[in-house]
């Protein structure tokens, strides 16, 4: 597996093994006592849990980093929005693992929206960070909803078009546009790109 740094403004550069403890040093800003969690982890389990996520969590835990995963507390997808918002607020860093299937989950898109709302609210007053990890996808797919993200959003656009209830159609349309806005923001942050092979 190869790992490169990536952002909207800089070219990619090769790094050492993503699972080495030096890559996730607990001497960095990950450890501040006011936070309950060092990291809030957002991911699409369908295409990452048994591969990338398992390795990532092992590396973070070995580095002494406290992780919040919603499936650590209860079955993934069953946390209520206020509980997720609280966990995001209590985490110093949010890692969003964008993968090929990420945008097919409305739950994941809502998580990204909540993370970026918290980031917009708090980033100017404390050291809260959001780090996107792009797993087997290009950051531009997230930023501009192209490739596999485009396919997912075509489905959401079809849902909007087919909704006969005007109020529900307007609400869904607003939600889809909000997802697009926050994906663009998250995809424009400096993060890391991971590719198998």
N, C-alpha and C. Protein backbone atom coordinates (compact mmCIF):
# COMPACT_ATOMS: atom_id res chain seq x y z
N UNK A 1 0.84 -1.19 0.00
CA UNK A 1 0.00 0.00 0.00
C UNK A 1 0.88 1.24 0.00
N UNK A 2 0.61 2.20 -0.87
CA UNK A 2 1.38 3.42 -0.97
C UNK A 2 0.59 4.56 -0.35
N UNK A 3 1.30 5.52 0.24
CA UNK A 3 0.64 6.67 0.85
C UNK A 3 1.31 7.93 0.36
N UNK A 4 0.53 8.91 -0.05
CA UNK A 4 1.05 10.20 -0.48
C UNK A 4 0.26 11.31 0.16
N UNK A 5 0.93 12.43 0.40
CA UNK A 5 0.22 13.61 0.84
C UNK A 5 -0.48 14.21 -0.36
N UNK A 6 -1.65 14.79 -0.12
CA UNK A 6 -2.34 15.42 -1.23
C UNK A 6 -3.21 16.56 -0.77
N UNK A 7 -3.28 17.63 -1.57
CA UNK A 7 -4.17 18.75 -1.28
C UNK A 7 -4.52 19.42 -2.58
N UNK A 8 -5.39 20.41 -2.50
CA UNK A 8 -5.82 21.10 -3.71
C UNK A 8 -4.75 22.00 -4.28
N UNK A 9 -3.72 22.32 -3.47
CA UNK A 9 -2.75 23.30 -3.92
C UNK A 9 -1.33 22.76 -4.05
N UNK A 10 -1.07 21.54 -3.58
CA UNK A 10 0.30 21.02 -3.62
C UNK A 10 0.35 19.69 -4.33
N UNK A 11 1.51 19.38 -4.89
CA UNK A 11 1.67 18.09 -5.56
C UNK A 11 1.88 17.00 -4.53
N UNK A 12 1.68 15.75 -4.94
CA UNK A 12 1.81 14.62 -4.03
C UNK A 12 3.27 14.24 -3.83
N UNK A 13 3.58 13.72 -2.64
CA UNK A 13 4.94 13.27 -2.36
C UNK A 13 4.87 11.96 -1.59
N UNK A 14 5.81 11.07 -1.85
CA UNK A 14 5.79 9.74 -1.22
C UNK A 14 6.17 9.83 0.25
N UNK A 15 5.59 8.96 1.06
CA UNK A 15 5.89 8.87 2.47
C UNK A 15 6.26 7.45 2.82
N UNK A 16 6.68 7.26 4.07
CA UNK A 16 7.00 5.92 4.56
C UNK A 16 5.74 5.16 4.86
N UNK A 17 5.88 3.99 5.44
CA UNK A 17 4.74 3.12 5.74
C UNK A 17 3.67 3.86 6.53
N UNK A 18 2.40 3.80 6.11
CA UNK A 18 1.34 4.50 6.81
C UNK A 18 1.06 3.93 8.18
N UNK A 19 1.56 2.73 8.47
CA UNK A 19 1.21 2.10 9.74
C UNK A 19 2.33 2.22 10.78
N UNK A 20 3.41 2.93 10.44
CA UNK A 20 4.49 3.10 11.42
C UNK A 20 4.06 4.08 12.49
N UNK A 21 4.53 3.86 13.70
CA UNK A 21 4.14 4.73 14.81
C UNK A 21 4.60 6.16 14.61
N UNK A 22 5.69 6.35 13.86
CA UNK A 22 6.19 7.71 13.63
C UNK A 22 5.24 8.52 12.78
N UNK A 23 4.41 7.84 11.98
CA UNK A 23 3.46 8.55 11.15
C UNK A 23 2.32 9.13 11.96
N UNK A 24 2.11 8.57 13.17
CA UNK A 24 0.98 9.02 14.00
C UNK A 24 1.48 9.33 15.41
N UNK A 25 2.52 10.13 15.51
CA UNK A 25 3.14 10.42 16.80
C UNK A 25 2.16 11.06 17.77
N UNK A 26 2.06 10.48 18.98
CA UNK A 26 1.15 11.03 19.97
C UNK A 26 1.69 12.31 20.58
N UNK A 27 2.92 12.72 20.21
CA UNK A 27 3.45 13.98 20.69
C UNK A 27 2.91 15.16 19.90
N UNK A 28 2.14 14.88 18.83
CA UNK A 28 1.55 15.94 18.03
C UNK A 28 0.30 16.46 18.72
N UNK A 29 -0.51 17.22 17.97
CA UNK A 29 -1.69 17.86 18.55
C UNK A 29 -2.81 16.88 18.84
N UNK A 30 -2.58 15.57 18.70
CA UNK A 30 -3.63 14.59 18.96
C UNK A 30 -3.99 14.50 20.44
N UNK A 31 -3.14 14.94 21.33
CA UNK A 31 -3.38 14.67 22.74
C UNK A 31 -3.56 15.94 23.55
N UNK A 32 -4.81 16.32 23.82
CA UNK A 32 -5.11 17.47 24.67
C UNK A 32 -6.19 17.01 25.63
N UNK A 33 -5.98 17.27 26.92
CA UNK A 33 -6.81 16.66 27.95
C UNK A 33 -8.27 17.09 27.91
N UNK A 34 -8.56 18.25 27.32
CA UNK A 34 -9.95 18.73 27.32
C UNK A 34 -10.84 17.88 26.42
N UNK A 35 -10.26 17.11 25.54
CA UNK A 35 -11.02 16.27 24.64
C UNK A 35 -11.15 14.85 25.19
N UNK A 36 -12.30 14.24 25.00
CA UNK A 36 -12.48 12.85 25.41
C UNK A 36 -11.81 11.92 24.40
N UNK A 37 -11.90 12.28 23.13
CA UNK A 37 -11.29 11.48 22.07
C UNK A 37 -10.24 12.30 21.33
N UNK A 38 -9.17 11.64 20.91
CA UNK A 38 -8.19 12.28 20.05
C UNK A 38 -8.73 12.34 18.62
N UNK A 39 -9.39 11.26 18.20
CA UNK A 39 -9.81 11.13 16.80
C UNK A 39 -11.25 10.64 16.69
N UNK A 40 -12.04 11.32 15.88
CA UNK A 40 -13.35 10.82 15.44
C UNK A 40 -13.13 10.26 14.04
N UNK A 41 -13.50 9.00 13.84
CA UNK A 41 -13.23 8.32 12.57
C UNK A 41 -14.53 8.10 11.80
N UNK A 42 -14.59 8.69 10.61
CA UNK A 42 -15.75 8.52 9.73
C UNK A 42 -15.33 7.67 8.54
N UNK A 43 -16.07 6.60 8.27
CA UNK A 43 -15.71 5.70 7.16
C UNK A 43 -16.92 4.92 6.70
N UNK A 44 -16.81 4.38 5.51
CA UNK A 44 -17.83 3.50 4.94
C UNK A 44 -17.34 2.07 5.14
N UNK A 45 -17.93 1.36 6.08
CA UNK A 45 -17.44 0.05 6.46
C UNK A 45 -17.48 -0.97 5.33
N UNK A 46 -18.41 -0.80 4.42
CA UNK A 46 -18.63 -1.79 3.36
C UNK A 46 -17.37 -2.07 2.55
N UNK A 47 -16.56 -1.05 2.28
CA UNK A 47 -15.38 -1.27 1.44
C UNK A 47 -14.06 -0.92 2.12
N UNK A 48 -14.09 -0.71 3.45
CA UNK A 48 -12.84 -0.36 4.13
C UNK A 48 -12.60 -1.09 5.45
N UNK A 49 -13.66 -1.56 6.11
CA UNK A 49 -13.51 -2.03 7.50
C UNK A 49 -12.51 -3.18 7.63
N UNK A 50 -12.59 -4.18 6.76
CA UNK A 50 -11.76 -5.37 6.91
C UNK A 50 -10.36 -5.21 6.32
N UNK A 51 -10.08 -4.07 5.72
CA UNK A 51 -8.77 -3.85 5.13
C UNK A 51 -8.13 -2.60 5.73
N UNK A 52 -8.42 -1.48 5.13
CA UNK A 52 -7.78 -0.22 5.51
C UNK A 52 -8.08 0.18 6.95
N UNK A 53 -9.33 0.14 7.36
CA UNK A 53 -9.72 0.63 8.68
C UNK A 53 -9.10 -0.20 9.79
N UNK A 54 -9.07 -1.52 9.63
CA UNK A 54 -8.45 -2.37 10.65
C UNK A 54 -6.99 -2.00 10.87
N UNK A 55 -6.25 -1.80 9.77
CA UNK A 55 -4.85 -1.43 9.87
C UNK A 55 -4.68 -0.04 10.47
N UNK A 56 -5.52 0.89 10.04
CA UNK A 56 -5.44 2.26 10.54
C UNK A 56 -5.70 2.32 12.04
N UNK A 57 -6.75 1.65 12.49
CA UNK A 57 -7.10 1.66 13.92
C UNK A 57 -6.00 1.01 14.76
N UNK A 58 -5.43 -0.07 14.25
CA UNK A 58 -4.35 -0.72 14.97
C UNK A 58 -3.17 0.23 15.14
N UNK A 59 -2.81 0.94 14.07
CA UNK A 59 -1.68 1.87 14.13
C UNK A 59 -1.95 3.01 15.09
N UNK A 60 -3.17 3.56 15.05
CA UNK A 60 -3.51 4.67 15.93
C UNK A 60 -3.51 4.24 17.40
N UNK A 61 -4.10 3.08 17.67
CA UNK A 61 -4.16 2.60 19.05
C UNK A 61 -2.78 2.27 19.59
N UNK A 62 -1.92 1.74 18.74
CA UNK A 62 -0.55 1.45 19.16
C UNK A 62 0.21 2.72 19.49
N UNK A 63 -0.20 3.83 18.87
CA UNK A 63 0.43 5.13 19.14
C UNK A 63 -0.21 5.82 20.33
N UNK A 64 -1.16 5.14 20.99
CA UNK A 64 -1.80 5.70 22.18
C UNK A 64 -2.87 6.73 21.87
N UNK A 65 -3.43 6.67 20.68
CA UNK A 65 -4.44 7.64 20.25
C UNK A 65 -5.84 7.09 20.52
N UNK A 66 -6.66 7.89 21.17
CA UNK A 66 -8.02 7.49 21.54
C UNK A 66 -8.95 7.75 20.36
N UNK A 67 -9.64 6.70 19.92
CA UNK A 67 -10.47 6.77 18.71
C UNK A 67 -11.94 6.62 19.07
N UNK A 68 -12.79 7.42 18.43
CA UNK A 68 -14.23 7.20 18.50
C UNK A 68 -14.68 6.62 17.16
N UNK A 69 -15.24 5.41 17.21
CA UNK A 69 -15.92 4.81 16.07
C UNK A 69 -17.34 4.51 16.52
N UNK A 70 -18.31 4.85 15.72
CA UNK A 70 -19.68 4.61 16.19
C UNK A 70 -19.96 3.13 16.40
N UNK A 71 -19.27 2.24 15.67
CA UNK A 71 -19.51 0.82 15.91
C UNK A 71 -18.71 0.30 17.10
N UNK A 72 -17.92 1.17 17.76
CA UNK A 72 -17.32 0.81 19.04
C UNK A 72 -18.36 0.87 20.15
N UNK A 73 -19.38 1.69 19.97
CA UNK A 73 -20.37 1.95 21.01
C UNK A 73 -21.63 1.13 20.79
N UNK A 74 -22.10 1.09 19.57
CA UNK A 74 -23.27 0.30 19.21
C UNK A 74 -23.23 0.04 17.71
N UNK A 75 -24.12 -0.77 17.24
CA UNK A 75 -24.13 -1.14 15.83
C UNK A 75 -24.08 0.10 14.95
N UNK A 76 -23.18 0.09 13.95
CA UNK A 76 -22.96 1.25 13.11
C UNK A 76 -24.28 1.70 12.47
N UNK A 77 -24.49 3.03 12.49
CA UNK A 77 -25.68 3.58 11.87
C UNK A 77 -26.82 3.79 12.84
N UNK A 78 -26.68 3.34 14.11
CA UNK A 78 -27.79 3.45 15.04
C UNK A 78 -27.63 4.60 16.03
N UNK A 79 -26.49 5.28 15.98
CA UNK A 79 -26.32 6.44 16.84
C UNK A 79 -27.24 7.57 16.38
N UNK A 80 -27.80 8.26 17.33
CA UNK A 80 -28.63 9.40 17.01
C UNK A 80 -27.75 10.59 16.68
N UNK A 81 -28.29 11.51 15.87
CA UNK A 81 -27.51 12.68 15.45
C UNK A 81 -26.93 13.46 16.63
N UNK A 82 -27.70 13.75 17.70
CA UNK A 82 -27.10 14.49 18.83
C UNK A 82 -25.91 13.79 19.45
N UNK A 83 -25.94 12.45 19.49
CA UNK A 83 -24.83 11.70 20.07
C UNK A 83 -23.59 11.79 19.18
N UNK A 84 -23.81 11.73 17.88
CA UNK A 84 -22.69 11.88 16.95
C UNK A 84 -22.10 13.29 17.03
N UNK A 85 -22.97 14.29 17.06
CA UNK A 85 -22.50 15.67 17.16
C UNK A 85 -21.68 15.87 18.43
N UNK A 86 -22.12 15.25 19.52
CA UNK A 86 -21.38 15.35 20.78
C UNK A 86 -20.01 14.70 20.66
N UNK A 87 -19.96 13.52 20.03
CA UNK A 87 -18.68 12.83 19.86
C UNK A 87 -17.73 13.63 18.98
N UNK A 88 -18.26 14.23 17.92
CA UNK A 88 -17.43 15.07 17.04
C UNK A 88 -16.90 16.26 17.81
N UNK A 89 -17.76 16.88 18.61
CA UNK A 89 -17.37 18.04 19.41
C UNK A 89 -16.29 17.67 20.43
N UNK A 90 -16.35 16.44 20.94
CA UNK A 90 -15.41 16.00 21.97
C UNK A 90 -14.14 15.38 21.40
N UNK A 91 -13.97 15.44 20.09
CA UNK A 91 -12.78 14.90 19.42
C UNK A 91 -11.94 16.03 18.86
N UNK A 92 -10.64 15.95 19.10
CA UNK A 92 -9.78 17.02 18.61
C UNK A 92 -9.57 16.96 17.11
N UNK A 93 -9.49 15.74 16.58
CA UNK A 93 -9.24 15.55 15.16
C UNK A 93 -10.32 14.64 14.57
N UNK A 94 -10.83 15.01 13.41
CA UNK A 94 -11.74 14.14 12.67
C UNK A 94 -11.02 13.62 11.44
N UNK A 95 -10.96 12.29 11.31
CA UNK A 95 -10.41 11.66 10.12
C UNK A 95 -11.58 11.15 9.28
N UNK A 96 -11.67 11.63 8.06
CA UNK A 96 -12.72 11.17 7.15
C UNK A 96 -12.06 10.30 6.09
N UNK A 97 -12.40 9.01 6.10
CA UNK A 97 -11.82 8.09 5.12
C UNK A 97 -12.76 8.02 3.91
N UNK A 98 -12.41 8.77 2.89
CA UNK A 98 -13.20 8.77 1.66
C UNK A 98 -12.79 7.58 0.80
N UNK A 99 -13.76 6.74 0.47
CA UNK A 99 -13.51 5.55 -0.33
C UNK A 99 -14.52 5.52 -1.47
N UNK A 100 -14.42 4.50 -2.32
CA UNK A 100 -15.27 4.43 -3.50
C UNK A 100 -16.76 4.36 -3.16
N UNK A 101 -17.09 3.73 -2.03
CA UNK A 101 -18.49 3.57 -1.65
C UNK A 101 -18.97 4.62 -0.64
N UNK A 102 -18.10 5.52 -0.25
CA UNK A 102 -18.45 6.48 0.82
C UNK A 102 -19.71 7.27 0.48
N UNK A 103 -19.77 7.80 -0.73
CA UNK A 103 -20.88 8.68 -1.10
C UNK A 103 -22.19 7.93 -1.31
N UNK A 104 -22.16 6.60 -1.32
CA UNK A 104 -23.40 5.85 -1.45
C UNK A 104 -24.15 5.77 -0.13
N UNK A 105 -23.53 6.23 0.94
CA UNK A 105 -24.15 6.20 2.27
C UNK A 105 -24.59 7.60 2.69
N UNK A 106 -25.88 7.79 2.83
CA UNK A 106 -26.39 9.07 3.32
C UNK A 106 -25.90 9.32 4.74
N UNK A 107 -25.76 8.25 5.50
CA UNK A 107 -25.27 8.37 6.87
C UNK A 107 -23.86 8.96 6.88
N UNK A 108 -22.98 8.45 6.00
CA UNK A 108 -21.62 8.97 5.91
C UNK A 108 -21.60 10.42 5.45
N UNK A 109 -22.44 10.76 4.50
CA UNK A 109 -22.51 12.13 4.02
C UNK A 109 -22.98 13.08 5.12
N UNK A 110 -23.92 12.60 5.93
CA UNK A 110 -24.37 13.40 7.08
C UNK A 110 -23.24 13.59 8.09
N UNK A 111 -22.42 12.55 8.28
CA UNK A 111 -21.27 12.67 9.18
C UNK A 111 -20.30 13.73 8.68
N UNK A 112 -20.01 13.70 7.38
CA UNK A 112 -19.12 14.71 6.82
C UNK A 112 -19.68 16.11 7.03
N UNK A 113 -20.97 16.26 6.83
CA UNK A 113 -21.61 17.56 7.02
C UNK A 113 -21.48 18.03 8.47
N UNK A 114 -21.72 17.11 9.43
CA UNK A 114 -21.61 17.47 10.84
C UNK A 114 -20.16 17.82 11.21
N UNK A 115 -19.22 17.06 10.67
CA UNK A 115 -17.80 17.31 10.95
C UNK A 115 -17.39 18.69 10.43
N UNK A 116 -17.79 19.01 9.22
CA UNK A 116 -17.38 20.28 8.62
C UNK A 116 -18.11 21.46 9.25
N UNK A 117 -19.34 21.25 9.70
CA UNK A 117 -20.04 22.31 10.44
C UNK A 117 -19.31 22.63 11.73
N UNK A 118 -18.86 21.58 12.44
CA UNK A 118 -18.10 21.78 13.67
C UNK A 118 -16.76 22.45 13.36
N UNK A 119 -16.14 22.04 12.27
CA UNK A 119 -14.86 22.63 11.86
C UNK A 119 -15.02 24.12 11.58
N UNK A 120 -16.07 24.49 10.85
CA UNK A 120 -16.31 25.90 10.53
C UNK A 120 -16.57 26.71 11.79
N UNK A 121 -17.25 26.08 12.74
CA UNK A 121 -17.63 26.77 13.97
C UNK A 121 -16.45 26.95 14.91
N UNK A 122 -15.57 25.94 14.97
CA UNK A 122 -14.55 25.91 16.01
C UNK A 122 -13.12 26.17 15.55
N UNK A 123 -12.82 26.02 14.28
CA UNK A 123 -11.42 26.04 13.85
C UNK A 123 -10.72 27.37 14.14
N UNK A 124 -11.47 28.45 14.22
CA UNK A 124 -10.85 29.75 14.47
C UNK A 124 -10.60 29.99 15.95
N UNK A 125 -11.18 29.16 16.82
CA UNK A 125 -11.06 29.39 18.26
C UNK A 125 -10.26 28.31 18.99
N UNK A 126 -10.02 27.18 18.36
CA UNK A 126 -9.20 26.14 18.98
C UNK A 126 -8.44 25.37 17.91
N UNK A 127 -7.80 24.28 18.30
CA UNK A 127 -6.92 23.55 17.38
C UNK A 127 -7.59 22.35 16.73
N UNK A 128 -8.91 22.35 16.69
CA UNK A 128 -9.62 21.24 16.08
C UNK A 128 -9.22 21.11 14.60
N UNK A 129 -9.06 19.87 14.16
CA UNK A 129 -8.60 19.63 12.80
C UNK A 129 -9.50 18.61 12.09
N UNK A 130 -9.54 18.72 10.78
CA UNK A 130 -10.18 17.71 9.93
C UNK A 130 -9.14 17.25 8.91
N UNK A 131 -8.91 15.94 8.85
CA UNK A 131 -7.94 15.38 7.92
C UNK A 131 -8.63 14.37 7.02
N UNK A 132 -8.74 14.66 5.73
CA UNK A 132 -9.32 13.68 4.81
C UNK A 132 -8.29 12.64 4.39
N UNK A 133 -8.71 11.38 4.36
CA UNK A 133 -7.88 10.29 3.86
C UNK A 133 -8.58 9.73 2.62
N UNK A 134 -7.90 9.75 1.50
CA UNK A 134 -8.49 9.32 0.24
C UNK A 134 -8.00 7.92 -0.09
N UNK A 135 -8.89 6.94 0.08
CA UNK A 135 -8.53 5.54 -0.07
C UNK A 135 -8.96 5.01 -1.44
N UNK A 136 -7.99 4.79 -2.30
CA UNK A 136 -8.23 4.29 -3.66
C UNK A 136 -9.12 5.20 -4.50
N UNK A 137 -9.15 6.48 -4.16
CA UNK A 137 -9.86 7.46 -4.99
C UNK A 137 -9.01 8.72 -5.09
N UNK A 138 -9.33 9.56 -6.05
CA UNK A 138 -8.63 10.82 -6.23
C UNK A 138 -9.33 11.91 -5.41
N UNK A 139 -8.59 12.80 -4.77
CA UNK A 139 -9.23 13.88 -4.01
C UNK A 139 -10.21 14.71 -4.83
N UNK A 140 -9.96 14.83 -6.14
CA UNK A 140 -10.87 15.62 -6.97
C UNK A 140 -12.24 14.96 -7.11
N UNK A 141 -12.30 13.63 -6.95
CA UNK A 141 -13.60 12.95 -6.99
C UNK A 141 -14.49 13.43 -5.84
N UNK A 142 -13.86 13.67 -4.69
CA UNK A 142 -14.61 14.17 -3.53
C UNK A 142 -14.93 15.65 -3.73
N UNK A 143 -13.93 16.41 -4.14
CA UNK A 143 -14.06 17.86 -4.23
C UNK A 143 -15.13 18.27 -5.24
N UNK A 144 -15.15 17.58 -6.38
CA UNK A 144 -16.05 17.97 -7.47
C UNK A 144 -17.13 16.94 -7.76
N UNK A 145 -17.24 15.91 -6.92
CA UNK A 145 -18.21 14.84 -7.10
C UNK A 145 -18.14 14.26 -8.52
N UNK A 146 -16.94 13.79 -8.85
CA UNK A 146 -16.72 13.12 -10.13
C UNK A 146 -16.47 11.63 -9.86
N UNK A 147 -16.33 10.86 -10.92
CA UNK A 147 -16.04 9.43 -10.77
C UNK A 147 -17.13 8.71 -10.00
N UNK A 148 -16.73 7.90 -9.00
CA UNK A 148 -17.70 7.12 -8.23
C UNK A 148 -18.61 8.04 -7.41
N UNK A 149 -18.15 9.21 -7.03
CA UNK A 149 -18.99 10.14 -6.29
C UNK A 149 -20.07 10.73 -7.21
N UNK A 150 -19.74 10.93 -8.46
CA UNK A 150 -20.73 11.41 -9.43
C UNK A 150 -21.86 10.40 -9.59
N UNK A 151 -21.49 9.13 -9.66
CA UNK A 151 -22.51 8.08 -9.79
C UNK A 151 -23.48 8.10 -8.61
N UNK A 152 -22.94 8.25 -7.41
CA UNK A 152 -23.79 8.27 -6.22
C UNK A 152 -24.73 9.47 -6.24
N UNK A 153 -24.23 10.61 -6.65
CA UNK A 153 -25.06 11.82 -6.64
C UNK A 153 -26.09 11.83 -7.77
N UNK A 154 -25.81 11.12 -8.83
CA UNK A 154 -26.85 10.96 -9.86
C UNK A 154 -28.06 10.25 -9.27
N UNK A 155 -27.81 9.29 -8.40
CA UNK A 155 -28.90 8.59 -7.73
C UNK A 155 -29.69 9.52 -6.82
N UNK A 156 -28.99 10.38 -6.09
CA UNK A 156 -29.68 11.33 -5.21
C UNK A 156 -30.48 12.35 -6.02
N UNK A 157 -29.91 12.79 -7.13
CA UNK A 157 -30.63 13.73 -8.00
C UNK A 157 -31.90 13.09 -8.56
N UNK A 158 -31.82 11.80 -8.88
CA UNK A 158 -33.00 11.08 -9.36
C UNK A 158 -34.07 11.00 -8.27
N UNK A 159 -33.63 10.80 -7.01
CA UNK A 159 -34.57 10.77 -5.90
C UNK A 159 -35.32 12.10 -5.78
N UNK A 160 -34.58 13.18 -5.94
CA UNK A 160 -35.19 14.52 -5.87
C UNK A 160 -36.23 14.68 -6.97
N UNK A 161 -35.86 14.29 -8.19
CA UNK A 161 -36.74 14.44 -9.34
C UNK A 161 -38.02 13.61 -9.19
N UNK A 162 -37.90 12.41 -8.62
CA UNK A 162 -39.04 11.50 -8.52
C UNK A 162 -39.94 11.77 -7.32
N UNK A 163 -39.46 12.58 -6.36
CA UNK A 163 -40.26 12.88 -5.17
C UNK A 163 -41.46 13.75 -5.54
N UNK A 164 -42.66 13.26 -5.25
CA UNK A 164 -43.87 13.99 -5.64
C UNK A 164 -44.32 15.00 -4.60
N UNK A 165 -43.95 14.78 -3.35
CA UNK A 165 -44.29 15.72 -2.30
C UNK A 165 -43.35 16.93 -2.39
N UNK A 166 -43.92 18.11 -2.60
CA UNK A 166 -43.12 19.31 -2.84
C UNK A 166 -42.20 19.62 -1.67
N UNK A 167 -42.73 19.54 -0.45
CA UNK A 167 -41.92 19.86 0.72
C UNK A 167 -40.76 18.88 0.88
N UNK A 168 -41.07 17.59 0.72
CA UNK A 168 -40.01 16.58 0.84
C UNK A 168 -38.98 16.75 -0.27
N UNK A 169 -39.45 17.07 -1.48
CA UNK A 169 -38.53 17.27 -2.61
C UNK A 169 -37.59 18.45 -2.33
N UNK A 170 -38.13 19.54 -1.79
CA UNK A 170 -37.30 20.70 -1.48
C UNK A 170 -36.29 20.40 -0.38
N UNK A 171 -36.75 19.65 0.64
CA UNK A 171 -35.86 19.29 1.75
C UNK A 171 -34.72 18.40 1.26
N UNK A 172 -35.06 17.43 0.42
CA UNK A 172 -34.04 16.52 -0.10
C UNK A 172 -33.07 17.27 -1.01
N UNK A 173 -33.60 18.17 -1.83
CA UNK A 173 -32.75 18.95 -2.72
C UNK A 173 -31.76 19.81 -1.93
N UNK A 174 -32.24 20.41 -0.85
CA UNK A 174 -31.36 21.21 0.01
C UNK A 174 -30.30 20.35 0.68
N UNK A 175 -30.69 19.15 1.09
CA UNK A 175 -29.74 18.24 1.73
C UNK A 175 -28.64 17.82 0.74
N UNK A 176 -29.04 17.49 -0.49
CA UNK A 176 -28.07 17.08 -1.50
C UNK A 176 -27.09 18.21 -1.79
N UNK A 177 -27.58 19.44 -1.88
CA UNK A 177 -26.70 20.58 -2.14
C UNK A 177 -25.76 20.82 -0.96
N UNK A 178 -26.26 20.59 0.26
CA UNK A 178 -25.41 20.73 1.45
C UNK A 178 -24.30 19.69 1.43
N UNK A 179 -24.65 18.44 1.06
CA UNK A 179 -23.64 17.40 0.95
C UNK A 179 -22.55 17.82 -0.04
N UNK A 180 -22.96 18.34 -1.19
CA UNK A 180 -22.00 18.77 -2.21
C UNK A 180 -21.07 19.85 -1.65
N UNK A 181 -21.66 20.82 -0.96
CA UNK A 181 -20.89 21.94 -0.41
C UNK A 181 -19.84 21.47 0.57
N UNK A 182 -20.25 20.59 1.49
CA UNK A 182 -19.32 20.14 2.53
C UNK A 182 -18.30 19.14 2.00
N UNK A 183 -18.66 18.36 0.99
CA UNK A 183 -17.66 17.49 0.36
C UNK A 183 -16.59 18.32 -0.33
N UNK A 184 -17.00 19.41 -0.97
CA UNK A 184 -16.03 20.28 -1.62
C UNK A 184 -15.07 20.87 -0.59
N UNK A 185 -15.61 21.29 0.56
CA UNK A 185 -14.76 21.84 1.62
C UNK A 185 -13.81 20.78 2.16
N UNK A 186 -14.34 19.60 2.47
CA UNK A 186 -13.51 18.54 3.04
C UNK A 186 -12.46 18.06 2.04
N UNK A 187 -12.88 17.93 0.78
CA UNK A 187 -11.95 17.46 -0.26
C UNK A 187 -10.88 18.46 -0.60
N UNK A 188 -11.05 19.71 -0.19
CA UNK A 188 -10.06 20.75 -0.47
C UNK A 188 -9.02 20.89 0.64
N UNK A 189 -9.26 20.20 1.76
CA UNK A 189 -8.29 20.24 2.86
C UNK A 189 -7.09 19.35 2.53
N UNK A 190 -5.94 19.71 3.08
CA UNK A 190 -4.76 18.87 2.90
C UNK A 190 -4.93 17.55 3.65
N UNK A 191 -4.74 16.46 2.96
CA UNK A 191 -4.92 15.15 3.58
C UNK A 191 -3.91 14.16 3.04
N UNK A 192 -4.28 12.88 3.06
CA UNK A 192 -3.39 11.82 2.59
C UNK A 192 -4.14 10.90 1.65
N UNK A 193 -3.41 10.43 0.64
CA UNK A 193 -3.97 9.51 -0.34
C UNK A 193 -3.33 8.14 -0.20
N UNK A 194 -4.17 7.12 -0.07
CA UNK A 194 -3.71 5.74 0.10
C UNK A 194 -4.18 4.93 -1.10
N UNK A 195 -3.27 4.17 -1.68
CA UNK A 195 -3.64 3.31 -2.81
C UNK A 195 -3.09 1.92 -2.59
N UNK A 196 -3.91 0.90 -2.83
CA UNK A 196 -3.47 -0.48 -2.73
C UNK A 196 -2.53 -0.81 -3.88
N UNK A 197 -1.63 -1.70 -3.62
CA UNK A 197 -0.75 -2.17 -4.69
C UNK A 197 0.61 -1.50 -4.67
